[in-house]
């Protein structure tokens, strides 16, 4: 994990304003998936007992069944741990000077992108669906003029508040750098 006091390419006077991860509901959905995958061998065992098949009673089929069950459980564990690691290490850090996007691309590969706040052209928040509306999570899209056209914050908590903070920080940074012509006005709150 990144220590907020030791940001990548830390600049003088830079402070972390927001530290974002995906909403906790994504971990809950991962847990439900894990429980469902763990139920498969239990249901298969119940079905075999109901049909009168006793694989464990035979030394050969019992050993094969134990090997297959162990392999299946190991595969489920690897998938769940990989998905949780992806959740935990995908972070977005908003400072008073820039936005840092840290994204895990695979177990041994990650991409760190940064965007200066004075390059922000547009910020859009999006909440789609009943559950995201009630739990107030959604996506935030940041449009830039740079080589990477759009930063995506996926399933973050309170996307409207994140959008407002980024717009305010972007306007402050543009004022500080003397580029008032690029300032954006946030839409009125309804």
N, C-alpha and C. Protein backbone atom coordinates (compact mmCIF):
# COMPACT_ATOMS: atom_id res chain seq x y z
N UNK A 1 0.84 -1.18 0.00
CA UNK A 1 0.00 0.00 0.00
C UNK A 1 0.88 1.24 0.00
N UNK A 2 0.35 2.30 -0.54
CA UNK A 2 1.10 3.54 -0.61
C UNK A 2 0.86 4.36 0.66
N UNK A 3 1.94 4.80 1.24
CA UNK A 3 1.87 5.69 2.39
C UNK A 3 1.56 7.08 1.86
N UNK A 4 0.52 7.70 2.37
CA UNK A 4 0.11 9.01 1.87
C UNK A 4 1.17 10.08 2.12
N UNK A 5 2.07 9.83 3.06
CA UNK A 5 3.15 10.79 3.30
C UNK A 5 4.28 10.64 2.28
N UNK A 6 4.27 9.51 1.55
CA UNK A 6 5.31 9.24 0.56
C UNK A 6 4.66 8.95 -0.79
N UNK A 7 3.97 9.92 -1.32
CA UNK A 7 3.32 9.77 -2.62
C UNK A 7 4.36 9.63 -3.72
N UNK A 8 4.01 8.95 -4.82
CA UNK A 8 4.94 8.90 -5.94
C UNK A 8 5.21 10.31 -6.47
N UNK A 9 6.47 10.65 -6.70
CA UNK A 9 6.87 11.97 -7.22
C UNK A 9 6.32 13.10 -6.35
N UNK A 10 6.42 12.92 -5.05
CA UNK A 10 5.86 13.89 -4.10
C UNK A 10 6.40 15.29 -4.37
N UNK A 11 5.49 16.25 -4.39
CA UNK A 11 5.86 17.64 -4.63
C UNK A 11 5.82 18.41 -3.32
N UNK A 12 6.54 19.48 -3.29
CA UNK A 12 6.59 20.32 -2.09
C UNK A 12 5.22 20.96 -1.86
N UNK A 13 4.72 20.88 -0.64
CA UNK A 13 3.44 21.47 -0.29
C UNK A 13 2.23 20.66 -0.72
N UNK A 14 2.46 19.45 -1.20
CA UNK A 14 1.36 18.62 -1.68
C UNK A 14 0.73 17.84 -0.52
N UNK A 15 -0.59 17.86 -0.46
CA UNK A 15 -1.33 17.16 0.58
C UNK A 15 -2.36 16.26 -0.08
N UNK A 16 -2.55 15.08 0.48
CA UNK A 16 -3.59 14.17 -0.01
C UNK A 16 -4.94 14.67 0.50
N UNK A 17 -5.87 14.91 -0.41
CA UNK A 17 -7.21 15.38 -0.05
C UNK A 17 -8.18 14.20 0.01
N UNK A 18 -8.15 13.34 -1.01
CA UNK A 18 -9.02 12.17 -1.07
C UNK A 18 -8.19 10.92 -1.33
N UNK A 19 -8.53 9.86 -0.65
CA UNK A 19 -7.95 8.54 -0.91
C UNK A 19 -9.13 7.63 -1.18
N UNK A 20 -9.27 7.17 -2.42
CA UNK A 20 -10.47 6.45 -2.84
C UNK A 20 -10.17 5.02 -3.25
N UNK A 21 -11.10 4.15 -2.92
CA UNK A 21 -11.15 2.78 -3.41
C UNK A 21 -12.57 2.53 -3.89
N UNK A 22 -12.75 1.39 -4.55
CA UNK A 22 -14.10 1.03 -4.93
C UNK A 22 -14.95 0.82 -3.67
N UNK A 23 -16.24 0.98 -3.81
CA UNK A 23 -17.19 0.87 -2.70
C UNK A 23 -17.12 -0.54 -2.08
N UNK A 24 -17.43 -0.63 -0.80
CA UNK A 24 -17.36 -1.90 -0.08
C UNK A 24 -18.30 -2.95 -0.64
N UNK A 25 -19.32 -2.55 -1.37
CA UNK A 25 -20.27 -3.52 -1.93
C UNK A 25 -19.57 -4.45 -2.92
N UNK A 26 -18.48 -3.99 -3.54
CA UNK A 26 -17.76 -4.86 -4.47
C UNK A 26 -17.08 -6.01 -3.73
N UNK A 27 -16.64 -5.76 -2.49
CA UNK A 27 -16.07 -6.84 -1.68
C UNK A 27 -17.17 -7.78 -1.23
N UNK A 28 -18.34 -7.23 -0.92
CA UNK A 28 -19.46 -8.06 -0.51
C UNK A 28 -19.90 -8.98 -1.67
N UNK A 29 -19.93 -8.45 -2.88
CA UNK A 29 -20.29 -9.29 -4.03
C UNK A 29 -19.23 -10.37 -4.25
N UNK A 30 -17.97 -10.05 -3.98
CA UNK A 30 -16.89 -11.03 -4.08
C UNK A 30 -17.09 -12.14 -3.04
N UNK A 31 -17.52 -11.77 -1.83
CA UNK A 31 -17.78 -12.76 -0.78
C UNK A 31 -18.94 -13.67 -1.17
N UNK A 32 -20.01 -13.10 -1.75
CA UNK A 32 -21.13 -13.92 -2.20
C UNK A 32 -20.70 -14.89 -3.30
N UNK A 33 -19.86 -14.43 -4.20
CA UNK A 33 -19.34 -15.30 -5.25
C UNK A 33 -18.52 -16.44 -4.64
N UNK A 34 -17.69 -16.12 -3.65
CA UNK A 34 -16.90 -17.14 -2.97
C UNK A 34 -17.76 -18.18 -2.29
N UNK A 35 -18.82 -17.74 -1.61
CA UNK A 35 -19.73 -18.68 -0.94
C UNK A 35 -20.42 -19.57 -1.97
N UNK A 36 -20.85 -18.98 -3.09
CA UNK A 36 -21.51 -19.77 -4.14
C UNK A 36 -20.55 -20.81 -4.72
N UNK A 37 -19.29 -20.41 -4.95
CA UNK A 37 -18.32 -21.37 -5.49
C UNK A 37 -17.98 -22.47 -4.49
N UNK A 38 -18.00 -22.14 -3.21
CA UNK A 38 -17.72 -23.15 -2.19
C UNK A 38 -18.91 -24.10 -1.98
N UNK A 39 -20.09 -23.67 -2.36
CA UNK A 39 -21.28 -24.52 -2.25
C UNK A 39 -21.32 -25.61 -3.32
N UNK A 40 -20.63 -25.39 -4.44
CA UNK A 40 -20.67 -26.36 -5.54
C UNK A 40 -20.22 -27.75 -5.10
N UNK A 41 -19.05 -27.92 -4.45
CA UNK A 41 -18.67 -29.29 -4.05
C UNK A 41 -19.61 -29.88 -3.00
N UNK A 42 -20.15 -29.04 -2.13
CA UNK A 42 -21.08 -29.54 -1.12
C UNK A 42 -22.34 -30.07 -1.78
N UNK A 43 -22.87 -29.30 -2.73
CA UNK A 43 -24.07 -29.75 -3.45
C UNK A 43 -23.78 -30.98 -4.30
N UNK A 44 -22.59 -31.05 -4.88
CA UNK A 44 -22.21 -32.24 -5.66
C UNK A 44 -22.14 -33.47 -4.75
N UNK A 45 -21.60 -33.30 -3.56
CA UNK A 45 -21.51 -34.41 -2.61
C UNK A 45 -22.91 -34.87 -2.19
N UNK A 46 -23.79 -33.92 -1.90
CA UNK A 46 -25.17 -34.28 -1.52
C UNK A 46 -25.86 -35.01 -2.66
N UNK A 47 -25.67 -34.55 -3.89
CA UNK A 47 -26.28 -35.19 -5.05
C UNK A 47 -25.76 -36.61 -5.23
N UNK A 48 -24.46 -36.81 -5.07
CA UNK A 48 -23.88 -38.15 -5.21
C UNK A 48 -24.37 -39.09 -4.11
N UNK A 49 -24.51 -38.58 -2.91
CA UNK A 49 -25.03 -39.42 -1.80
C UNK A 49 -26.48 -39.79 -2.05
N UNK A 50 -27.25 -38.84 -2.62
CA UNK A 50 -28.66 -39.12 -2.93
C UNK A 50 -28.78 -40.18 -4.01
N UNK A 51 -27.90 -40.15 -5.01
CA UNK A 51 -27.93 -41.13 -6.10
C UNK A 51 -27.28 -42.46 -5.71
N UNK A 52 -26.68 -42.51 -4.53
CA UNK A 52 -26.08 -43.74 -4.04
C UNK A 52 -24.65 -43.95 -4.49
N UNK A 53 -24.01 -42.95 -5.01
CA UNK A 53 -22.61 -43.06 -5.43
C UNK A 53 -21.71 -42.79 -4.22
N UNK A 54 -20.80 -43.68 -3.98
CA UNK A 54 -19.86 -43.51 -2.87
C UNK A 54 -18.44 -43.48 -3.43
N UNK A 55 -18.05 -42.31 -3.90
CA UNK A 55 -16.71 -42.17 -4.48
C UNK A 55 -15.62 -42.29 -3.43
N UNK A 56 -15.90 -41.87 -2.23
CA UNK A 56 -14.87 -41.87 -1.19
C UNK A 56 -14.63 -43.27 -0.62
N UNK A 57 -15.54 -44.19 -0.84
CA UNK A 57 -15.39 -45.55 -0.31
C UNK A 57 -14.36 -46.35 -1.08
N UNK A 58 -14.16 -46.06 -2.34
CA UNK A 58 -13.20 -46.76 -3.17
C UNK A 58 -11.85 -46.05 -3.05
N UNK A 59 -10.75 -46.80 -2.83
CA UNK A 59 -9.45 -46.14 -2.67
C UNK A 59 -9.01 -45.34 -3.90
N UNK A 60 -9.31 -45.82 -5.10
CA UNK A 60 -8.86 -45.14 -6.31
C UNK A 60 -9.72 -43.90 -6.57
N UNK A 61 -11.04 -44.08 -6.59
CA UNK A 61 -11.92 -42.93 -6.87
C UNK A 61 -11.90 -41.93 -5.72
N UNK A 62 -11.69 -42.41 -4.49
CA UNK A 62 -11.59 -41.51 -3.35
C UNK A 62 -10.38 -40.60 -3.45
N UNK A 63 -9.25 -41.17 -3.87
CA UNK A 63 -8.03 -40.37 -4.04
C UNK A 63 -8.20 -39.36 -5.17
N UNK A 64 -8.80 -39.80 -6.27
CA UNK A 64 -9.03 -38.89 -7.40
C UNK A 64 -10.00 -37.78 -7.00
N UNK A 65 -11.08 -38.14 -6.29
CA UNK A 65 -12.06 -37.14 -5.85
C UNK A 65 -11.42 -36.15 -4.88
N UNK A 66 -10.56 -36.63 -3.97
CA UNK A 66 -9.87 -35.73 -3.04
C UNK A 66 -8.93 -34.78 -3.77
N UNK A 67 -8.24 -35.31 -4.79
CA UNK A 67 -7.33 -34.47 -5.58
C UNK A 67 -8.11 -33.41 -6.36
N UNK A 68 -9.23 -33.80 -6.97
CA UNK A 68 -10.05 -32.84 -7.71
C UNK A 68 -10.65 -31.78 -6.79
N UNK A 69 -11.13 -32.21 -5.61
CA UNK A 69 -11.70 -31.26 -4.65
C UNK A 69 -10.64 -30.28 -4.16
N UNK A 70 -9.45 -30.78 -3.86
CA UNK A 70 -8.37 -29.91 -3.40
C UNK A 70 -7.98 -28.91 -4.49
N UNK A 71 -7.90 -29.39 -5.74
CA UNK A 71 -7.55 -28.50 -6.85
C UNK A 71 -8.62 -27.43 -7.04
N UNK A 72 -9.88 -27.84 -6.95
CA UNK A 72 -10.98 -26.89 -7.10
C UNK A 72 -10.94 -25.83 -6.01
N UNK A 73 -10.77 -26.24 -4.76
CA UNK A 73 -10.73 -25.29 -3.65
C UNK A 73 -9.53 -24.35 -3.75
N UNK A 74 -8.39 -24.88 -4.20
CA UNK A 74 -7.22 -24.03 -4.39
C UNK A 74 -7.47 -23.00 -5.50
N UNK A 75 -8.11 -23.41 -6.58
CA UNK A 75 -8.42 -22.50 -7.68
C UNK A 75 -9.39 -21.40 -7.21
N UNK A 76 -10.40 -21.78 -6.44
CA UNK A 76 -11.34 -20.79 -5.91
C UNK A 76 -10.62 -19.80 -5.00
N UNK A 77 -9.74 -20.31 -4.15
CA UNK A 77 -8.98 -19.44 -3.25
C UNK A 77 -8.09 -18.47 -4.03
N UNK A 78 -7.42 -18.95 -5.06
CA UNK A 78 -6.55 -18.09 -5.87
C UNK A 78 -7.38 -17.02 -6.57
N UNK A 79 -8.52 -17.39 -7.13
CA UNK A 79 -9.38 -16.41 -7.81
C UNK A 79 -9.87 -15.35 -6.83
N UNK A 80 -10.34 -15.78 -5.65
CA UNK A 80 -10.85 -14.82 -4.67
C UNK A 80 -9.75 -13.90 -4.14
N UNK A 81 -8.59 -14.45 -3.88
CA UNK A 81 -7.50 -13.62 -3.37
C UNK A 81 -7.00 -12.64 -4.44
N UNK A 82 -6.98 -13.07 -5.70
CA UNK A 82 -6.59 -12.18 -6.79
C UNK A 82 -7.58 -11.04 -6.93
N UNK A 83 -8.86 -11.35 -6.85
CA UNK A 83 -9.88 -10.31 -6.97
C UNK A 83 -9.83 -9.35 -5.78
N UNK A 84 -9.60 -9.86 -4.57
CA UNK A 84 -9.51 -8.98 -3.41
C UNK A 84 -8.26 -8.10 -3.50
N UNK A 85 -7.16 -8.66 -3.95
CA UNK A 85 -5.93 -7.88 -4.12
C UNK A 85 -6.15 -6.77 -5.14
N UNK A 86 -6.86 -7.09 -6.22
CA UNK A 86 -7.19 -6.08 -7.23
C UNK A 86 -8.03 -4.97 -6.61
N UNK A 87 -9.02 -5.33 -5.79
CA UNK A 87 -9.84 -4.33 -5.11
C UNK A 87 -8.98 -3.45 -4.19
N UNK A 88 -8.13 -4.09 -3.41
CA UNK A 88 -7.38 -3.38 -2.38
C UNK A 88 -6.31 -2.46 -2.96
N UNK A 89 -5.68 -2.87 -4.04
CA UNK A 89 -4.57 -2.10 -4.58
C UNK A 89 -4.99 -1.11 -5.67
N UNK A 90 -6.21 -1.19 -6.18
CA UNK A 90 -6.70 -0.17 -7.11
C UNK A 90 -7.13 1.04 -6.29
N UNK A 91 -6.36 2.12 -6.38
CA UNK A 91 -6.66 3.30 -5.59
C UNK A 91 -6.57 4.56 -6.45
N UNK A 92 -7.26 5.57 -6.00
CA UNK A 92 -7.21 6.88 -6.62
C UNK A 92 -6.91 7.88 -5.51
N UNK A 93 -5.88 8.68 -5.71
CA UNK A 93 -5.49 9.67 -4.71
C UNK A 93 -5.62 11.04 -5.34
N UNK A 94 -6.39 11.90 -4.70
CA UNK A 94 -6.55 13.28 -5.15
C UNK A 94 -5.80 14.16 -4.17
N UNK A 95 -4.82 14.90 -4.68
CA UNK A 95 -4.07 15.82 -3.85
C UNK A 95 -4.45 17.25 -4.25
N UNK A 96 -3.83 18.21 -3.62
CA UNK A 96 -4.12 19.61 -3.96
C UNK A 96 -3.43 20.04 -5.26
N UNK A 97 -2.61 19.16 -5.88
CA UNK A 97 -1.94 19.49 -7.14
C UNK A 97 -2.25 18.53 -8.28
N UNK A 98 -2.61 17.28 -7.96
CA UNK A 98 -2.78 16.28 -9.02
C UNK A 98 -3.67 15.14 -8.58
N UNK A 99 -3.98 14.28 -9.55
CA UNK A 99 -4.76 13.07 -9.31
C UNK A 99 -3.86 11.89 -9.69
N UNK A 100 -3.78 10.90 -8.81
CA UNK A 100 -2.95 9.73 -9.04
C UNK A 100 -3.87 8.51 -9.14
N UNK A 101 -3.73 7.77 -10.23
CA UNK A 101 -4.52 6.57 -10.48
C UNK A 101 -3.58 5.37 -10.41
N UNK A 102 -3.77 4.50 -9.42
CA UNK A 102 -2.96 3.30 -9.28
C UNK A 102 -3.86 2.11 -9.55
N UNK A 103 -3.54 1.39 -10.62
CA UNK A 103 -4.41 0.31 -11.06
C UNK A 103 -3.62 -0.97 -11.25
N UNK A 104 -4.07 -2.04 -10.61
CA UNK A 104 -3.45 -3.35 -10.76
C UNK A 104 -3.95 -3.97 -12.05
N UNK A 105 -3.03 -4.32 -12.95
CA UNK A 105 -3.40 -4.88 -14.25
C UNK A 105 -3.35 -6.41 -14.22
N UNK A 106 -2.65 -6.98 -13.31
CA UNK A 106 -2.49 -8.41 -13.11
C UNK A 106 -1.79 -8.56 -11.77
N UNK A 107 -1.52 -9.77 -11.37
CA UNK A 107 -0.89 -9.94 -10.06
C UNK A 107 0.48 -9.28 -9.99
N UNK A 108 1.20 -9.25 -11.09
CA UNK A 108 2.56 -8.72 -11.06
C UNK A 108 2.73 -7.51 -11.98
N UNK A 109 1.67 -6.80 -12.21
CA UNK A 109 1.74 -5.64 -13.10
C UNK A 109 0.77 -4.57 -12.60
N UNK A 110 1.27 -3.35 -12.48
CA UNK A 110 0.38 -2.26 -12.11
C UNK A 110 0.76 -1.02 -12.90
N UNK A 111 -0.21 -0.16 -13.08
CA UNK A 111 -0.01 1.07 -13.82
C UNK A 111 -0.32 2.24 -12.89
N UNK A 112 0.60 3.21 -12.86
CA UNK A 112 0.38 4.41 -12.08
C UNK A 112 0.34 5.58 -13.04
N UNK A 113 -0.80 6.25 -13.09
CA UNK A 113 -0.96 7.42 -13.95
C UNK A 113 -1.23 8.63 -13.08
N UNK A 114 -0.78 9.77 -13.52
CA UNK A 114 -1.08 10.98 -12.78
C UNK A 114 -1.54 12.06 -13.73
N UNK A 115 -2.32 12.95 -13.19
CA UNK A 115 -2.93 14.02 -13.97
C UNK A 115 -2.84 15.29 -13.14
N UNK A 116 -2.32 16.33 -13.73
CA UNK A 116 -2.26 17.63 -13.07
C UNK A 116 -3.68 18.20 -13.00
N UNK A 117 -4.02 18.81 -11.90
CA UNK A 117 -5.37 19.35 -11.74
C UNK A 117 -5.65 20.49 -12.72
N UNK A 118 -4.62 21.19 -13.18
CA UNK A 118 -4.88 22.28 -14.13
C UNK A 118 -5.14 21.75 -15.54
N UNK A 119 -4.99 20.42 -15.76
CA UNK A 119 -5.31 19.81 -17.05
C UNK A 119 -6.74 19.29 -17.12
N UNK A 120 -7.46 19.33 -16.01
CA UNK A 120 -8.83 18.80 -15.97
C UNK A 120 -9.74 19.71 -16.80
N UNK A 121 -10.45 19.10 -17.75
CA UNK A 121 -11.38 19.87 -18.58
C UNK A 121 -12.83 19.66 -18.15
N UNK A 122 -13.15 18.43 -17.75
CA UNK A 122 -14.54 18.14 -17.39
C UNK A 122 -14.55 16.99 -16.39
N UNK A 123 -15.48 17.05 -15.44
CA UNK A 123 -15.65 15.99 -14.47
C UNK A 123 -17.12 15.59 -14.47
N UNK A 124 -17.38 14.29 -14.63
CA UNK A 124 -18.74 13.79 -14.69
C UNK A 124 -18.91 12.69 -13.65
N UNK A 125 -20.02 12.74 -12.92
CA UNK A 125 -20.32 11.64 -11.99
C UNK A 125 -21.52 10.88 -12.55
N UNK A 126 -21.56 9.58 -12.27
CA UNK A 126 -22.60 8.72 -12.82
C UNK A 126 -23.02 7.71 -11.78
N UNK A 127 -24.32 7.63 -11.53
CA UNK A 127 -24.88 6.63 -10.64
C UNK A 127 -26.01 5.95 -11.39
N UNK A 128 -25.86 4.66 -11.65
CA UNK A 128 -26.86 3.93 -12.43
C UNK A 128 -27.33 2.72 -11.63
N UNK A 129 -28.63 2.59 -11.46
CA UNK A 129 -29.20 1.43 -10.80
C UNK A 129 -29.78 1.74 -9.44
N UNK A 130 -30.58 0.82 -8.95
CA UNK A 130 -31.26 0.99 -7.67
C UNK A 130 -30.28 0.90 -6.50
N UNK A 131 -29.46 -0.16 -6.49
CA UNK A 131 -28.51 -0.35 -5.38
C UNK A 131 -27.48 0.78 -5.31
N UNK A 132 -26.86 1.18 -6.43
CA UNK A 132 -25.93 2.32 -6.35
C UNK A 132 -26.61 3.62 -5.89
N UNK A 133 -27.86 3.81 -6.27
CA UNK A 133 -28.58 5.01 -5.85
C UNK A 133 -28.79 5.02 -4.34
N UNK A 134 -29.24 3.88 -3.79
CA UNK A 134 -29.50 3.82 -2.35
C UNK A 134 -28.21 3.82 -1.52
N UNK A 135 -27.15 3.21 -2.03
CA UNK A 135 -25.89 3.15 -1.29
C UNK A 135 -24.93 4.28 -1.67
N UNK A 136 -25.37 5.16 -2.55
CA UNK A 136 -24.63 6.34 -3.03
C UNK A 136 -23.21 6.00 -3.48
N UNK A 137 -23.11 5.15 -4.48
CA UNK A 137 -21.82 4.92 -5.12
C UNK A 137 -22.01 4.93 -6.63
N UNK A 138 -20.93 5.20 -7.32
CA UNK A 138 -21.00 5.26 -8.78
C UNK A 138 -19.64 5.57 -9.36
N UNK A 139 -19.64 6.03 -10.59
CA UNK A 139 -18.41 6.30 -11.33
C UNK A 139 -18.17 7.79 -11.46
N UNK A 140 -16.91 8.16 -11.51
CA UNK A 140 -16.52 9.55 -11.77
C UNK A 140 -15.57 9.51 -12.96
N UNK A 141 -15.87 10.32 -13.97
CA UNK A 141 -15.04 10.39 -15.18
C UNK A 141 -14.41 11.77 -15.24
N UNK A 142 -13.10 11.79 -15.46
CA UNK A 142 -12.36 13.05 -15.55
C UNK A 142 -11.79 13.16 -16.95
N UNK A 143 -12.24 14.17 -17.67
CA UNK A 143 -11.79 14.41 -19.05
C UNK A 143 -10.61 15.37 -19.02
N UNK A 144 -9.57 15.04 -19.80
CA UNK A 144 -8.37 15.88 -19.84
C UNK A 144 -8.04 16.22 -21.29
N UNK A 145 -7.08 17.09 -21.42
CA UNK A 145 -6.58 17.44 -22.75
C UNK A 145 -5.31 16.68 -23.07
N UNK A 146 -4.82 15.88 -22.14
CA UNK A 146 -3.55 15.19 -22.31
C UNK A 146 -3.66 13.95 -23.18
N UNK A 147 -2.61 13.13 -23.14
CA UNK A 147 -2.57 11.92 -23.96
C UNK A 147 -3.57 10.89 -23.48
N UNK A 148 -3.78 10.79 -22.17
CA UNK A 148 -4.81 9.92 -21.64
C UNK A 148 -6.07 10.76 -21.53
N UNK A 149 -7.04 10.46 -22.35
CA UNK A 149 -8.20 11.33 -22.48
C UNK A 149 -9.11 11.30 -21.26
N UNK A 150 -9.23 10.18 -20.57
CA UNK A 150 -10.22 10.07 -19.52
C UNK A 150 -9.71 9.23 -18.37
N UNK A 151 -9.86 9.73 -17.14
CA UNK A 151 -9.59 8.96 -15.93
C UNK A 151 -10.93 8.43 -15.45
N UNK A 152 -10.98 7.16 -15.06
CA UNK A 152 -12.22 6.57 -14.56
C UNK A 152 -12.03 6.14 -13.12
N UNK A 153 -12.88 6.66 -12.24
CA UNK A 153 -12.94 6.19 -10.87
C UNK A 153 -14.15 5.27 -10.81
N UNK A 154 -13.94 3.96 -10.68
CA UNK A 154 -15.02 2.99 -10.77
C UNK A 154 -15.61 2.70 -9.40
N UNK A 155 -16.92 2.79 -9.30
CA UNK A 155 -17.68 2.41 -8.10
C UNK A 155 -17.16 3.04 -6.82
N UNK A 156 -16.94 4.35 -6.83
CA UNK A 156 -16.48 5.05 -5.64
C UNK A 156 -17.67 5.55 -4.83
N UNK A 157 -17.46 5.72 -3.55
CA UNK A 157 -18.49 6.21 -2.64
C UNK A 157 -18.71 7.71 -2.89
N UNK A 158 -19.96 8.13 -2.88
CA UNK A 158 -20.36 9.53 -3.05
C UNK A 158 -19.71 10.19 -4.28
N UNK A 159 -20.04 9.72 -5.47
CA UNK A 159 -19.38 10.26 -6.67
C UNK A 159 -19.65 11.74 -6.89
N UNK A 160 -20.79 12.22 -6.46
CA UNK A 160 -21.11 13.65 -6.64
C UNK A 160 -20.19 14.52 -5.76
N UNK A 161 -19.93 14.06 -4.54
CA UNK A 161 -19.00 14.79 -3.66
C UNK A 161 -17.58 14.76 -4.21
N UNK A 162 -17.15 13.61 -4.73
CA UNK A 162 -15.82 13.49 -5.33
C UNK A 162 -15.71 14.45 -6.50
N UNK A 163 -16.72 14.50 -7.32
CA UNK A 163 -16.73 15.41 -8.48
C UNK A 163 -16.59 16.85 -8.02
N UNK A 164 -17.35 17.23 -7.02
CA UNK A 164 -17.32 18.60 -6.52
C UNK A 164 -15.94 18.97 -5.96
N UNK A 165 -15.33 18.06 -5.21
CA UNK A 165 -14.01 18.31 -4.65
C UNK A 165 -12.97 18.47 -5.77
N UNK A 166 -13.03 17.61 -6.78
CA UNK A 166 -12.08 17.69 -7.88
C UNK A 166 -12.25 19.00 -8.65
N UNK A 167 -13.50 19.40 -8.89
CA UNK A 167 -13.74 20.67 -9.59
C UNK A 167 -13.21 21.85 -8.78
N UNK A 168 -13.46 21.84 -7.47
CA UNK A 168 -12.96 22.93 -6.62
C UNK A 168 -11.43 22.97 -6.61
N UNK A 169 -10.81 21.80 -6.46
CA UNK A 169 -9.34 21.76 -6.45
C UNK A 169 -8.76 22.16 -7.81
N UNK A 170 -9.42 21.77 -8.88
CA UNK A 170 -8.96 22.14 -10.22
C UNK A 170 -9.04 23.65 -10.41
N UNK A 171 -10.14 24.24 -9.98
CA UNK A 171 -10.28 25.70 -10.09
C UNK A 171 -9.23 26.43 -9.25
N UNK A 172 -8.97 25.93 -8.04
CA UNK A 172 -7.95 26.53 -7.19
C UNK A 172 -6.57 26.44 -7.84
N UNK A 173 -6.27 25.29 -8.43
CA UNK A 173 -4.97 25.09 -9.08
C UNK A 173 -4.83 25.99 -10.31
N UNK A 174 -5.91 26.16 -11.05
CA UNK A 174 -5.86 27.03 -12.23
C UNK A 174 -5.71 28.49 -11.81
N UNK A 175 -6.36 28.88 -10.71
CA UNK A 175 -6.19 30.24 -10.19
C UNK A 175 -4.75 30.47 -9.73
N UNK A 176 -4.21 29.45 -9.06
CA UNK A 176 -2.85 29.55 -8.55
C UNK A 176 -1.83 29.65 -9.69
N UNK A 177 -2.09 28.91 -10.76
CA UNK A 177 -1.15 28.95 -11.88
C UNK A 177 -1.43 30.11 -12.83
N UNK A 178 -2.50 30.86 -12.57
CA UNK A 178 -2.80 32.05 -13.36
C UNK A 178 -3.55 31.77 -14.64
N UNK A 179 -4.18 30.61 -14.77
CA UNK A 179 -4.92 30.25 -15.98
C UNK A 179 -6.41 30.30 -15.69
N UNK A 180 -6.94 31.47 -15.41
CA UNK A 180 -8.35 31.62 -15.05
C UNK A 180 -9.28 31.36 -16.22
N UNK A 181 -8.79 31.41 -17.46
CA UNK A 181 -9.66 31.17 -18.62
C UNK A 181 -10.13 29.73 -18.69
N UNK A 182 -9.44 28.81 -18.01
CA UNK A 182 -9.81 27.40 -18.07
C UNK A 182 -10.68 26.96 -16.90
N UNK A 183 -11.02 27.89 -16.00
CA UNK A 183 -11.79 27.51 -14.81
C UNK A 183 -13.17 27.03 -15.20
N UNK A 184 -13.66 26.04 -14.45
CA UNK A 184 -14.97 25.46 -14.69
C UNK A 184 -15.89 25.86 -13.54
N UNK A 185 -17.13 26.02 -13.84
CA UNK A 185 -18.09 26.28 -12.79
C UNK A 185 -18.86 25.01 -12.53
N UNK A 186 -18.93 24.59 -11.27
CA UNK A 186 -19.68 23.38 -10.97
C UNK A 186 -21.17 23.64 -11.19
N UNK A 187 -21.91 22.61 -11.60
CA UNK A 187 -23.34 22.80 -11.80
C UNK A 187 -24.02 23.05 -10.46
N UNK A 188 -25.15 23.76 -10.49
CA UNK A 188 -25.86 24.03 -9.23
C UNK A 188 -26.36 22.73 -8.61
N UNK A 189 -26.34 22.68 -7.30
CA UNK A 189 -26.82 21.51 -6.57
C UNK A 189 -28.33 21.61 -6.48
N UNK A 190 -29.00 20.53 -6.88
CA UNK A 190 -30.48 20.53 -6.86
C UNK A 190 -31.00 20.08 -5.54
